[in-house]
C-alpha atoms as a PDB file:
ATOM      1  CA  MET A   1      27.986 -47.006 -12.254  1.00  0.00           C
ATOM      2  CA  SER A   2      28.458 -43.310 -11.755  1.00  0.00           C
ATOM      3  CA  LEU A   3      31.680 -41.901 -10.363  1.00  0.00           C
ATOM      4  CA  THR A   4      31.836 -39.523  -7.350  1.00  0.00           C
ATOM      5  CA  ASP A   5      33.424 -36.061  -7.740  1.00  0.00           C
ATOM      6  CA  ALA A   6      36.257 -37.237  -5.540  1.00  0.00           C
ATOM      7  CA  GLN A   7      36.889 -40.259  -7.905  1.00  0.00           C
ATOM      8  CA  LEU A   8      36.809 -38.092 -10.928  1.00  0.00           C
ATOM      9  CA  ALA A   9      39.205 -35.610  -9.354  1.00  0.00           C
ATOM     10  CA  GLU A  10      41.599 -38.537  -8.565  1.00  0.00           C
ATOM     11  CA  LEU A  11      41.441 -39.686 -12.189  1.00  0.00           C
ATOM     12  CA  TYR A  12      42.137 -36.225 -13.271  1.00  0.00           C
ATOM     13  CA  ASP A  13      45.056 -35.738 -11.015  1.00  0.00           C
ATOM     14  CA  THR A  14      46.437 -39.212 -12.098  1.00  0.00           C
ATOM     15  CA  LYS A  15      46.255 -38.123 -15.738  1.00  0.00           C
ATOM     16  CA  LEU A  16      48.085 -34.869 -14.869  1.00  0.00           C
ATOM     17  CA  LEU A  17      50.845 -36.804 -12.906  1.00  0.00           C
ATOM     18  CA  ASN A  18      51.278 -39.057 -16.019  1.00  0.00           C
ATOM     19  CA  ASP A  19      51.551 -35.943 -18.345  1.00  0.00           C
ATOM     20  CA  ASN A  20      54.233 -34.560 -16.111  1.00  0.00           C
ATOM     21  CA  LEU A  21      56.295 -37.781 -16.337  1.00  0.00           C
ATOM     22  CA  THR A  22      55.922 -38.115 -20.074  1.00  0.00           C
ATOM     23  CA  THR A  23      56.564 -34.312 -20.682  1.00  0.00           C
ATOM     24  CA  TYR A  24      59.839 -34.931 -18.747  1.00  0.00           C
ATOM     25  CA  CYS A  25      60.852 -37.924 -20.952  1.00  0.00           C
ATOM     26  CA  ARG A  26      60.075 -35.932 -24.117  1.00  0.00           C
ATOM     27  CA  ALA A  27      62.122 -32.991 -23.134  1.00  0.00           C
ATOM     28  CA  ALA A  28      65.085 -35.020 -21.968  1.00  0.00           C
ATOM     29  CA  ASP A  29      65.060 -36.977 -25.251  1.00  0.00           C
ATOM     30  CA  ARG A  30      64.994 -33.901 -27.371  1.00  0.00           C
ATOM     31  CA  MET A  31      67.347 -31.889 -25.153  1.00  0.00           C
ATOM     32  CA  ASP A  32      64.610 -29.363 -24.459  1.00  0.00           C
ATOM     33  CA  ILE A  33      66.330 -27.907 -21.342  1.00  0.00           C
ATOM     34  CA  GLU A  34      63.566 -25.574 -20.427  1.00  0.00           C
ATOM     35  CA  GLY A  35      60.913 -28.349 -20.912  1.00  0.00           C
ATOM     36  CA  ILE A  36      62.900 -30.389 -18.421  1.00  0.00           C
ATOM     37  CA  ARG A  37      63.069 -27.650 -15.890  1.00  0.00           C
ATOM     38  CA  ASP A  38      59.358 -27.001 -16.194  1.00  0.00           C
ATOM     39  CA  THR A  39      58.438 -30.486 -14.929  1.00  0.00           C
ATOM     40  CA  TYR A  40      60.118 -29.615 -11.577  1.00  0.00           C
ATOM     41  CA  TRP A  41      59.188 -27.172  -8.914  1.00  0.00           C
ATOM     42  CA  PRO A  42      61.850 -24.463  -8.414  1.00  0.00           C
ATOM     43  CA  ASP A  43      62.520 -25.646  -4.775  1.00  0.00           C
ATOM     44  CA  SER A  44      62.708 -29.359  -5.938  1.00  0.00           C
ATOM     45  CA  THR A  45      65.677 -31.842  -5.527  1.00  0.00           C
ATOM     46  CA  ASP A  46      66.839 -34.609  -7.789  1.00  0.00           C
ATOM     47  CA  ASP A  47      69.225 -37.524  -7.044  1.00  0.00           C
ATOM     48  CA  HIS A  48      70.323 -39.280 -10.225  1.00  0.00           C
ATOM     49  CA  GLY A  49      73.326 -40.791  -8.414  1.00  0.00           C
ATOM     50  CA  GLY A  50      75.980 -38.946 -10.496  1.00  0.00           C
ATOM     51  CA  TYR A  51      73.943 -35.747  -9.917  1.00  0.00           C
ATOM     52  CA  ILE A  52      72.579 -34.758  -6.678  1.00  0.00           C
ATOM     53  CA  GLY A  53      71.015 -31.343  -6.451  1.00  0.00           C
ATOM     54  CA  SER A  54      68.136 -29.161  -7.419  1.00  0.00           C
ATOM     55  CA  GLY A  55      65.519 -30.270  -9.972  1.00  0.00           C
ATOM     56  CA  PRO A  56      66.075 -27.240 -12.154  1.00  0.00           C
ATOM     57  CA  GLY A  57      69.903 -27.881 -11.879  1.00  0.00           C
ATOM     58  CA  TRP A  58      69.351 -31.428 -13.323  1.00  0.00           C
ATOM     59  CA  ALA A  59      67.996 -29.757 -16.456  1.00  0.00           C
ATOM     60  CA  ASP A  60      71.446 -27.930 -16.715  1.00  0.00           C
ATOM     61  CA  ALA A  61      73.317 -31.157 -16.129  1.00  0.00           C
ATOM     62  CA  VAL A  62      71.364 -32.897 -18.938  1.00  0.00           C
ATOM     63  CA  SER A  63      72.560 -30.094 -21.270  1.00  0.00           C
ATOM     64  CA  GLN A  64      76.111 -31.177 -20.713  1.00  0.00           C
ATOM     65  CA  TRP A  65      75.374 -34.473 -22.694  1.00  0.00           C
ATOM     66  CA  ARG A  66      74.280 -32.636 -25.783  1.00  0.00           C
ATOM     67  CA  ASP A  67      77.662 -33.037 -27.593  1.00  0.00           C
ATOM     68  CA  LYS A  68      78.454 -36.515 -26.190  1.00  0.00           C
ATOM     69  CA  ILE A  69      75.401 -38.360 -27.633  1.00  0.00           C
ATOM     70  CA  PHE A  70      73.495 -38.805 -30.940  1.00  0.00           C
ATOM     71  CA  SER A  71      70.294 -39.490 -29.323  1.00  0.00           C
ATOM     72  CA  CYS A  72      68.428 -40.589 -26.162  1.00  0.00           C
ATOM     73  CA  SER A  73      65.224 -42.310 -25.821  1.00  0.00           C
ATOM     74  CA  HIS A  74      63.291 -42.744 -22.530  1.00  0.00           C
ATOM     75  CA  HIS A  75      60.566 -45.452 -22.167  1.00  0.00           C
ATOM     76  CA  VAL A  76      58.274 -45.404 -18.954  1.00  0.00           C
ATOM     77  CA  SER A  77      55.906 -47.904 -17.860  1.00  0.00           C
ATOM     78  CA  ASN A  78      54.267 -49.232 -14.763  1.00  0.00           C
ATOM     79  CA  VAL A  79      53.438 -45.886 -13.358  1.00  0.00           C
ATOM     80  CA  LEU A  80      51.743 -46.076  -9.874  1.00  0.00           C
ATOM     81  CA  SER A  81      50.630 -42.846  -8.312  1.00  0.00           C
ATOM     82  CA  GLU A  82      49.351 -42.652  -4.691  1.00  0.00           C
ATOM     83  CA  ILE A  83      47.677 -39.451  -4.183  1.00  0.00           C
ATOM     84  CA  ASP A  84      47.196 -37.833  -0.735  1.00  0.00           C
ATOM     85  CA  GLY A  85      45.790 -34.302  -1.070  1.00  0.00           C
ATOM     86  CA  ASP A  86      48.236 -32.092  -2.857  1.00  0.00           C
ATOM     87  CA  ARG A  87      51.065 -34.584  -2.659  1.00  0.00           C
ATOM     88  CA  ALA A  88      51.592 -37.807  -4.508  1.00  0.00           C
ATOM     89  CA  LYS A  89      54.015 -40.677  -4.426  1.00  0.00           C
ATOM     90  CA  ARG A  90      54.777 -41.692  -8.029  1.00  0.00           C
ATOM     91  CA  GLU A  91      56.750 -44.735  -8.913  1.00  0.00           C
ATOM     92  CA  SER A  92      57.544 -45.620 -12.581  1.00  0.00           C
ATOM     93  CA  MET A  93      59.827 -47.922 -14.386  1.00  0.00           C
ATOM     94  CA  PHE A  94      62.186 -46.532 -17.081  1.00  0.00           C
ATOM     95  CA  LEU A  95      64.334 -47.843 -19.937  1.00  0.00           C
ATOM     96  CA  CYS A  96      66.606 -45.318 -21.388  1.00  0.00           C
ATOM     97  CA  VAL A  97      68.496 -46.042 -24.524  1.00  0.00           C
ATOM     98  CA  VAL A  98      71.458 -43.756 -25.362  1.00  0.00           C
ATOM     99  CA  ALA A  99      73.570 -43.727 -28.592  1.00  0.00           C
ATOM    100  CA  PHE A 100      76.970 -42.478 -27.556  1.00  0.00           C
ATOM    101  CA  LYS A 101      79.354 -40.768 -29.956  1.00  0.00           C
ATOM    102  CA  GLU A 102      82.550 -41.829 -28.146  1.00  0.00           C
ATOM    103  CA  PRO A 103      82.776 -44.795 -27.776  1.00  0.00           C
ATOM    104  CA  GLU A 104      80.188 -45.673 -30.471  1.00  0.00           C
ATOM    105  CA  VAL A 105      77.929 -47.671 -28.363  1.00  0.00           C
ATOM    106  CA  ASN A 106      74.237 -47.998 -27.730  1.00  0.00           C
ATOM    107  CA  PHE A 107      73.834 -47.832 -23.824  1.00  0.00           C
ATOM    108  CA  PHE A 108      70.842 -49.179 -22.164  1.00  0.00           C
ATOM    109  CA  HIS A 109      70.096 -48.352 -18.538  1.00  0.00           C
ATOM    110  CA  ALA A 110      66.885 -49.093 -16.605  1.00  0.00           C
ATOM    111  CA  GLY A 111      65.591 -48.441 -13.263  1.00  0.00           C
ATOM    112  CA  ARG A 112      62.731 -46.612 -11.432  1.00  0.00           C
ATOM    113  CA  TYR A 113      61.804 -42.980 -10.659  1.00  0.00           C
ATOM    114  CA  ARG A 114      60.749 -42.591  -7.167  1.00  0.00           C
ATOM    115  CA  ASP A 115      59.001 -39.178  -7.358  1.00  0.00           C
ATOM    116  CA  LEU A 116      57.346 -37.092  -4.644  1.00  0.00           C
ATOM    117  CA  CYS A 117      55.111 -34.776  -6.610  1.00  0.00           C
ATOM    118  CA  GLU A 118      53.202 -31.792  -5.385  1.00  0.00           C
ATOM    119  CA  LYS A 119      50.136 -29.981  -6.782  1.00  0.00           C
ATOM    120  CA  ARG A 120      50.304 -26.146  -6.442  1.00  0.00           C
ATOM    121  CA  ASP A 121      47.535 -24.013  -8.054  1.00  0.00           C
ATOM    122  CA  GLY A 122      46.263 -27.099  -9.934  1.00  0.00           C
ATOM    123  CA  VAL A 123      49.717 -28.024 -11.454  1.00  0.00           C
ATOM    124  CA  TRP A 124      51.545 -31.206 -10.526  1.00  0.00           C
ATOM    125  CA  LYS A 125      55.386 -31.119 -10.653  1.00  0.00           C
ATOM    126  CA  VAL A 126      58.163 -33.110  -9.130  1.00  0.00           C
ATOM    127  CA  LEU A 127      59.339 -32.065  -5.773  1.00  0.00           C
ATOM    128  CA  ARG A 128      61.803 -34.808  -5.018  1.00  0.00           C
ATOM    129  CA  ARG A 129      63.032 -37.291  -7.535  1.00  0.00           C
ATOM    130  CA  THR A 130      65.238 -40.330  -6.660  1.00  0.00           C
ATOM    131  CA  CYS A 131      66.544 -42.677  -9.546  1.00  0.00           C
ATOM    132  CA  ILE A 132      66.692 -46.162  -8.315  1.00  0.00           C
ATOM    133  CA  TRP A 133      69.149 -48.042 -10.658  1.00  0.00           C
ATOM    134  CA  ASP A 134      68.357 -51.700 -11.800  1.00  0.00           C
ATOM    135  CA  TRP A 135      70.702 -52.625 -14.680  1.00  0.00           C
ATOM    136  CA  CYS A 136      72.728 -51.365 -17.611  1.00  0.00           C
ATOM    137  CA  ASP A 137      74.116 -52.890 -20.886  1.00  0.00           C
ATOM    138  CA  ALA A 138      76.316 -51.477 -23.691  1.00  0.00           C
ATOM    139  CA  ARG A 139      76.657 -52.669 -27.336  1.00  0.00           C
ATOM    140  CA  GLU A 140      78.500 -51.662 -30.388  1.00  0.00           C
ATOM    141  CA  PHE A 141      76.386 -49.908 -33.150  1.00  0.00           C
ATOM    142  CA  THR A 142      74.883 -52.284 -35.622  1.00  0.00           C
ATOM    143  CA  THR A 143      72.678 -49.868 -37.542  1.00  0.00           C
ATOM    144  CA  ASN A 144      70.856 -51.074 -40.550  1.00  0.00           C
ATOM    145  CA  TRP A 145      67.850 -49.151 -41.582  1.00  0.00           C
ATOM    146  CA  GLY A 146      67.724 -51.190 -44.896  1.00  0.00           C
ATOM    147  CA  LEU A 147      66.216 -54.031 -42.924  1.00  0.00           C
ATOM    148  CA  THR A 148      63.267 -51.886 -42.021  1.00  0.00           C
ATOM    149  CA  GLY A 149      62.640 -50.317 -45.310  1.00  0.00           C
ATOM    150  CA  VAL A 150      62.555 -46.751 -43.966  1.00  0.00           C
ATOM    151  CA  PRO A 151      63.666 -44.457 -46.766  1.00  0.00           C
ATOM    152  CA  GLU A 152      66.473 -42.046 -46.505  1.00  0.00           C
ATOM    153  CA  THR A 153      64.008 -39.140 -46.488  1.00  0.00           C
ATOM    154  CA  SER A 154      61.655 -39.629 -43.759  1.00  0.00           C
ATOM    155  CA  ASN A 155      60.644 -38.290 -40.313  1.00  0.00           C
ATOM    156  CA  TRP A 156      63.925 -38.665 -38.323  1.00  0.00           C
ATOM    157  CA  GLY A 157      64.226 -37.756 -34.735  1.00  0.00           C
ATOM    158  CA  ALA A 158      66.079 -34.713 -33.825  1.00  0.00           C
ATOM    159  CA  ARG A 159      66.799 -32.270 -30.927  1.00  0.00           C
ATOM    160  CA  TYR A 160      64.510 -29.432 -29.898  1.00  0.00           C
ATOM    161  CA  PRO A 161      63.309 -27.459 -31.844  1.00  0.00           C
ATOM    162  CA  ASP A 162      64.068 -29.467 -34.944  1.00  0.00           C
ATOM    163  CA  ASP A 163      62.364 -32.707 -34.024  1.00  0.00           C
ATOM    164  CA  PRO A 164      59.103 -33.443 -35.971  1.00  0.00           C
ATOM    165  CA  ILE A 165      57.098 -33.354 -32.635  1.00  0.00           C
ATOM    166  CA  TYR A 166      57.787 -29.551 -32.452  1.00  0.00           C
ATOM    167  CA  LYS A 167      56.796 -29.014 -36.114  1.00  0.00           C
ATOM    168  CA  ASP A 168      53.460 -28.367 -37.845  1.00  0.00           C
ATOM    169  CA  TRP A 169      51.438 -31.659 -37.271  1.00  0.00           C
ATOM    170  CA  TYR A 170      49.581 -31.099 -40.545  1.00  0.00           C
ATOM    171  CA  ALA A 171      52.246 -29.951 -42.949  1.00  0.00           C
ATOM    172  CA  SER A 172      55.937 -30.603 -41.874  1.00  0.00           C
ATOM    173  CA  PRO A 173      57.896 -32.196 -44.747  1.00  0.00           C
ATOM    174  CA  PRO A 174      60.276 -35.286 -44.196  1.00  0.00           C
ATOM    175  CA  MET A 175      64.037 -34.714 -43.811  1.00  0.00           C
ATOM    176  CA  ALA A 176      67.169 -36.519 -44.988  1.00  0.00           C
ATOM    177  CA  ARG A 177      68.571 -39.122 -42.757  1.00  0.00           C
ATOM    178  CA  PRO A 178      71.170 -37.600 -40.300  1.00  0.00           C
ATOM    179  CA  PRO A 179      74.661 -39.065 -40.547  1.00  0.00           C
ATOM    180  CA  HIS A 180      74.399 -40.934 -37.061  1.00  0.00           C
ATOM    181  CA  HIS A 181      71.565 -42.933 -38.607  1.00  0.00           C
ATOM    182  CA  ASP A 182      73.602 -44.058 -41.593  1.00  0.00           C
ATOM    183  CA  PRO A 183      73.944 -47.887 -41.890  1.00  0.00           C
ATOM    184  CA  VAL A 184      77.151 -49.521 -40.691  1.00  0.00           C
ATOM    185  CA  VAL A 185      78.866 -51.146 -43.610  1.00  0.00           C
END
């Protein structure tokens, strides 16, 4: 079976739409504010419930969480993109795990991104995002890295630009475990 040019173009656009989504998640998790901003068009909008405004403005709103949390981890799945020319309706499910400083809880929230994306000059970005909230849960910290056998000096997650993902992929050394990863005694 050979694919038509139209089918190949749709596969490529679907991949670019997925890259836009996962780039957003990486940037949000690492507090890479410019990285978040770059996934939205300048004239875009975002409705996260507690924030309703421009897409680039959402990047600035995210930066206000920097000192309130230890870490954030987005997980996206079930990505469905319906492409119609230079516009695409993209639905994805997300689970976001946030380690709060005060109170010291792990907060889990999940829902779906309903994104209207637009392609301009071959680049796909978010034009309209709506977060659809499905559930949340909060739990006290019960950190115990000893159960996993991960050594104190390892490749620990950090914020932009200190996270290992932004370092040399061939020769970046491990680092000491950050205090917020210390075992609860």
